Protein backbone atom coordinates (compact mmCIF):
# COMPACT_ATOMS: atom_id res chain seq x y z
CA UNK A 1 66.07 119.20 83.30
CA UNK A 2 68.25 115.93 84.20
CA UNK A 3 72.26 115.25 83.53
CA UNK A 4 71.64 113.63 80.20
CA UNK A 5 72.29 110.98 79.20
CA UNK A 6 75.58 109.50 77.49
CA UNK A 7 77.06 111.99 77.82
CA UNK A 8 80.91 112.27 80.57
CA UNK A 9 81.61 115.11 83.03
CA UNK A 10 85.16 116.15 83.12
CA UNK A 11 86.34 118.61 85.93
CA UNK A 12 89.23 120.88 85.12
CA UNK A 13 91.50 121.87 87.70
CA UNK A 14 93.11 125.02 86.62
CA UNK A 15 91.28 126.28 84.59
CA UNK A 16 87.54 125.88 86.99
CA UNK A 17 84.97 124.49 84.59
CA UNK A 18 83.32 121.29 83.95
CA UNK A 19 84.10 119.52 80.35
CA UNK A 20 80.65 118.48 78.89
CA UNK A 21 81.93 115.34 76.27
CA UNK A 22 79.34 113.67 74.61
CA UNK A 23 80.34 110.01 74.73
CA UNK A 24 78.29 109.50 71.05
CA UNK A 25 81.30 111.77 69.14
CA UNK A 26 83.90 112.04 71.94
CA UNK A 27 83.41 115.52 71.29
CA UNK A 28 83.74 118.39 73.88
CA UNK A 29 79.95 119.92 74.22
CA UNK A 30 80.37 122.63 76.18
CA UNK A 31 82.53 123.65 79.27
CA UNK A 32 80.54 124.70 82.64
CA UNK A 33 81.54 127.50 85.33
CA UNK A 34 81.78 126.28 88.82
CA UNK A 35 81.57 128.00 91.91
CA UNK A 36 81.92 131.96 92.89
CA UNK A 37 82.45 134.37 90.24
CA UNK A 38 86.18 135.28 90.48
CA UNK A 39 87.23 132.86 92.75
CA UNK A 40 90.32 130.56 91.48
CA UNK A 41 87.48 127.46 91.49
CA UNK A 42 90.03 124.02 91.51
CA UNK A 43 87.18 122.01 91.06
CA UNK A 44 88.14 118.66 91.40
CA UNK A 45 86.33 115.71 92.75
CA UNK A 46 82.72 115.08 91.19
CA UNK A 47 79.78 112.34 91.86
CA UNK A 48 76.32 111.88 89.96
CA UNK A 49 72.86 111.69 92.03
CA UNK A 50 71.58 109.02 88.95
CA UNK A 51 67.50 109.64 91.29
CA UNK A 52 67.86 113.28 90.38
CA UNK A 53 69.75 113.19 87.30
CA UNK A 54 72.07 115.97 88.78
CA UNK A 55 76.31 116.07 88.80
CA UNK A 56 77.67 117.58 92.16
CA UNK A 57 81.46 119.43 92.05
CA UNK A 58 84.24 119.50 94.51
CA UNK A 59 84.93 123.16 94.23
CA UNK A 60 88.03 122.90 96.34
CA UNK A 61 89.17 126.75 96.47
CA UNK A 62 86.36 128.32 97.33
CA UNK A 63 84.84 125.19 100.03
CA UNK A 64 81.87 124.95 98.23
CA UNK A 65 79.62 121.91 96.04
CA UNK A 66 78.21 123.60 92.28
CA UNK A 67 75.55 121.05 90.91
CA UNK A 68 74.99 120.48 87.65
CA UNK A 69 72.37 118.95 85.41
CA UNK A 70 71.61 120.02 81.48
CA UNK A 71 71.12 123.61 81.31
CA UNK A 72 73.81 123.97 83.32
CA UNK A 73 75.08 125.58 87.51
CA UNK A 74 71.78 125.13 89.47
CA UNK A 75 73.24 125.65 92.88
CA UNK A 76 75.96 126.17 94.78
CA UNK A 77 75.92 124.73 98.42
CA UNK A 78 78.65 125.77 100.60
CA UNK A 79 80.40 122.71 102.65
CA UNK A 80 83.39 123.00 104.73
CA UNK A 81 87.48 123.74 103.66
CA UNK A 82 88.38 122.59 100.82
CA UNK A 83 86.57 120.32 99.04
CA UNK A 84 88.32 117.45 97.49
CA UNK A 85 86.12 114.46 96.53
CA UNK A 86 82.67 113.04 96.78
CA UNK A 87 80.39 110.61 97.03
CA UNK A 88 76.34 109.62 96.15
CA UNK A 89 74.43 107.21 99.06
CA UNK A 90 71.57 106.11 97.29
CA UNK A 91 69.28 104.75 100.58
CA UNK A 92 68.88 108.24 101.60
CA UNK A 93 69.87 110.57 99.41
CA UNK A 94 72.54 111.88 100.19
CA UNK A 95 76.20 113.49 98.52
CA UNK A 96 78.96 112.75 101.36
CA UNK A 97 81.68 115.70 100.60
CA UNK A 98 85.09 115.61 102.38
CA UNK A 99 86.31 118.09 103.43
CA UNK A 100 90.61 117.93 103.41
CA UNK A 101 91.08 121.39 105.39
CA UNK A 102 88.56 120.92 107.63
CA UNK A 103 89.30 116.90 108.68
CA UNK A 104 85.02 116.87 108.10
CA UNK A 105 82.64 115.27 105.89
CA UNK A 106 79.65 117.58 104.77
CA UNK A 107 76.02 115.32 103.90
CA UNK A 108 73.42 117.20 101.42
CA UNK A 109 70.62 116.17 100.87
CA UNK A 110 70.24 115.76 97.50
CA UNK A 111 66.32 116.73 97.19
CA UNK A 112 66.60 119.90 98.90
CA UNK A 113 70.48 120.92 98.39
CA UNK A 114 70.76 121.84 101.85
CA UNK A 115 73.51 120.88 104.28
CA UNK A 116 72.51 118.55 106.72
CA UNK A 117 75.18 117.21 109.88
CA UNK A 118 79.06 117.42 109.66
CA UNK A 119 81.19 114.93 110.53
CA UNK A 120 84.33 114.52 112.12
CA UNK A 121 86.73 112.43 110.52
CA UNK A 122 90.25 112.42 109.84
CA UNK A 123 92.95 113.89 109.08
CA UNK A 124 92.94 115.52 105.29
CA UNK A 125 90.38 113.15 103.79
CA UNK A 126 90.88 112.43 100.26
CA UNK A 127 88.74 109.99 99.51
CA UNK A 128 84.86 108.79 99.68
CA UNK A 129 83.37 105.50 98.99
CA UNK A 130 80.63 104.41 99.85
CA UNK A 131 79.08 100.32 100.61
CA UNK A 132 75.95 99.35 100.11
CA UNK A 133 75.57 96.29 101.37
CA UNK A 134 76.69 97.49 104.53
CA UNK A 135 75.02 101.44 104.60
CA UNK A 136 78.67 102.72 105.21
CA UNK A 137 80.29 105.73 103.77
CA UNK A 138 84.46 105.23 103.99
CA UNK A 139 86.51 108.01 105.02
CA UNK A 140 90.72 107.84 103.54
CA UNK A 141 92.25 110.42 105.49
CA UNK A 142 95.21 111.93 103.63
CA UNK A 143 97.97 112.55 105.92
CA UNK A 144 96.57 110.15 108.23
CA UNK A 145 97.07 106.74 106.86
CA UNK A 146 93.63 105.86 108.09
CA UNK A 147 90.20 104.67 106.69
CA UNK A 148 87.41 106.50 108.94
CA UNK A 149 83.24 104.82 108.49
CA UNK A 150 80.52 106.80 108.63
CA UNK A 151 77.31 104.36 109.55
CA UNK A 152 75.58 106.23 106.98
CA UNK A 153 71.49 105.45 108.62
CA UNK A 154 73.02 107.25 111.96
CA UNK A 155 75.05 109.19 110.36
CA UNK A 156 77.85 109.18 112.12
CA UNK A 157 81.60 107.86 112.52
CA UNK A 158 81.67 103.64 114.17
CA UNK A 159 84.66 102.25 115.55
CA UNK A 160 88.02 103.35 115.12
CA UNK A 161 90.11 104.36 112.50
CA UNK A 162 91.81 101.05 110.32
CA UNK A 163 95.42 102.14 109.93
CA UNK A 164 95.93 102.09 105.85
CA UNK A 165 99.32 103.13 104.17
CA UNK A 166 100.48 106.82 103.92
CA UNK A 167 99.41 109.29 102.57
CA UNK A 168 95.61 106.87 101.08
CA UNK A 169 93.04 108.63 98.84
CA UNK A 170 91.87 106.62 96.54
CA UNK A 171 89.26 104.25 97.55
CA UNK A 172 87.02 102.16 96.05
CA UNK A 173 84.55 98.94 96.74
CA UNK A 174 84.34 95.53 95.71
CA UNK A 175 81.31 94.56 96.90
CA UNK A 176 81.18 90.69 95.44
CA UNK A 177 84.43 90.49 97.64
CA UNK A 178 82.95 92.65 100.64
CA UNK A 179 86.22 94.38 100.10
CA UNK A 180 87.64 98.26 99.89
CA UNK A 181 90.44 99.01 98.98
CA UNK A 182 92.98 102.07 99.55
CA UNK A 183 95.03 103.85 97.12
CA UNK A 184 98.27 104.20 99.56
CA UNK A 185 100.84 107.15 98.49
CA UNK A 186 103.50 106.08 100.44
CA UNK A 187 104.03 103.11 99.65
CA UNK A 188 103.16 102.64 96.45
CA UNK A 189 100.64 100.29 97.73
CA UNK A 190 96.67 99.35 97.88
CA UNK A 191 95.09 98.16 101.19
CA UNK A 192 92.77 95.37 101.52
CA UNK A 193 90.16 96.43 103.99
CA UNK A 194 87.66 93.48 105.41
CA UNK A 195 83.94 95.27 104.61
CA UNK A 196 82.04 92.85 107.75
CA UNK A 197 84.93 93.96 110.42
CA UNK A 198 86.66 97.03 109.07
CA UNK A 199 90.08 95.85 108.92
CA UNK A 200 92.77 95.17 106.75
CA UNK A 201 93.04 91.40 105.58
CA UNK A 202 96.42 90.08 103.05
CA UNK A 203 99.26 92.16 102.81
CA UNK A 204 99.59 95.31 101.15
CA UNK A 205 99.49 94.53 96.56
CA UNK A 206 101.81 96.39 95.41
CA UNK A 207 101.51 98.49 92.83
CA UNK A 208 103.58 101.92 90.44
CA UNK A 209 104.89 105.28 92.68
CA UNK A 210 102.15 106.94 94.21
CA UNK A 211 98.95 105.48 93.51
CA UNK A 212 95.84 108.25 93.74
CA UNK A 213 93.25 106.97 91.22
CA UNK A 214 91.62 103.40 92.14
CA UNK A 215 88.02 102.55 90.19
CA UNK A 216 86.43 98.74 90.97
CA UNK A 217 84.82 96.56 87.72
CA UNK A 218 82.24 94.82 88.20
CA UNK A 219 81.67 91.05 86.98
CA UNK A 220 79.42 90.49 84.13
CA UNK A 221 76.15 89.29 84.55
């Protein structure tokens, strides 16, 4: 059974649950408990694997990822220390998990739900996004002020980290312009990375105070 279409899944950091919202009625269908019983989970990042219809939830306090389908939690997977954010890589059916405290990225095979390689990246990774065109994963280091780039074919870091602003968190791809945008908590800007060269381009864009979340709306066909 796969995650049902037309539902929105919301991680509840303080209650250790995921709310399932029916977007046809905008009502909460049900809450789902995640992680390990008795642990104050702090679920944070969440990402969808459309190939298998499962949601993946990063449980910050139990160092695990919960896999959810329409029946509830179907698997709990041990990853690195304090997983914070996730991104799906569809070409090889892999979920990449940024582990905040261990400075690593765990790679989950979403066919088997088995963890494969663990990749060392910059300090305190907080954001992660996939660049489909170049087949690379971009990971923002929350305290390092840099973005690491992972080749998703070799499953390894390539080149040196790209310097951005301080406390980078949210990160999102704009494939139509070969750009990756990074939200810097300080000094409240967006850095722009050219994904052809993995270098910053132009001046950072000034935003409101301490930007965190970021998402791209693709052009209409």
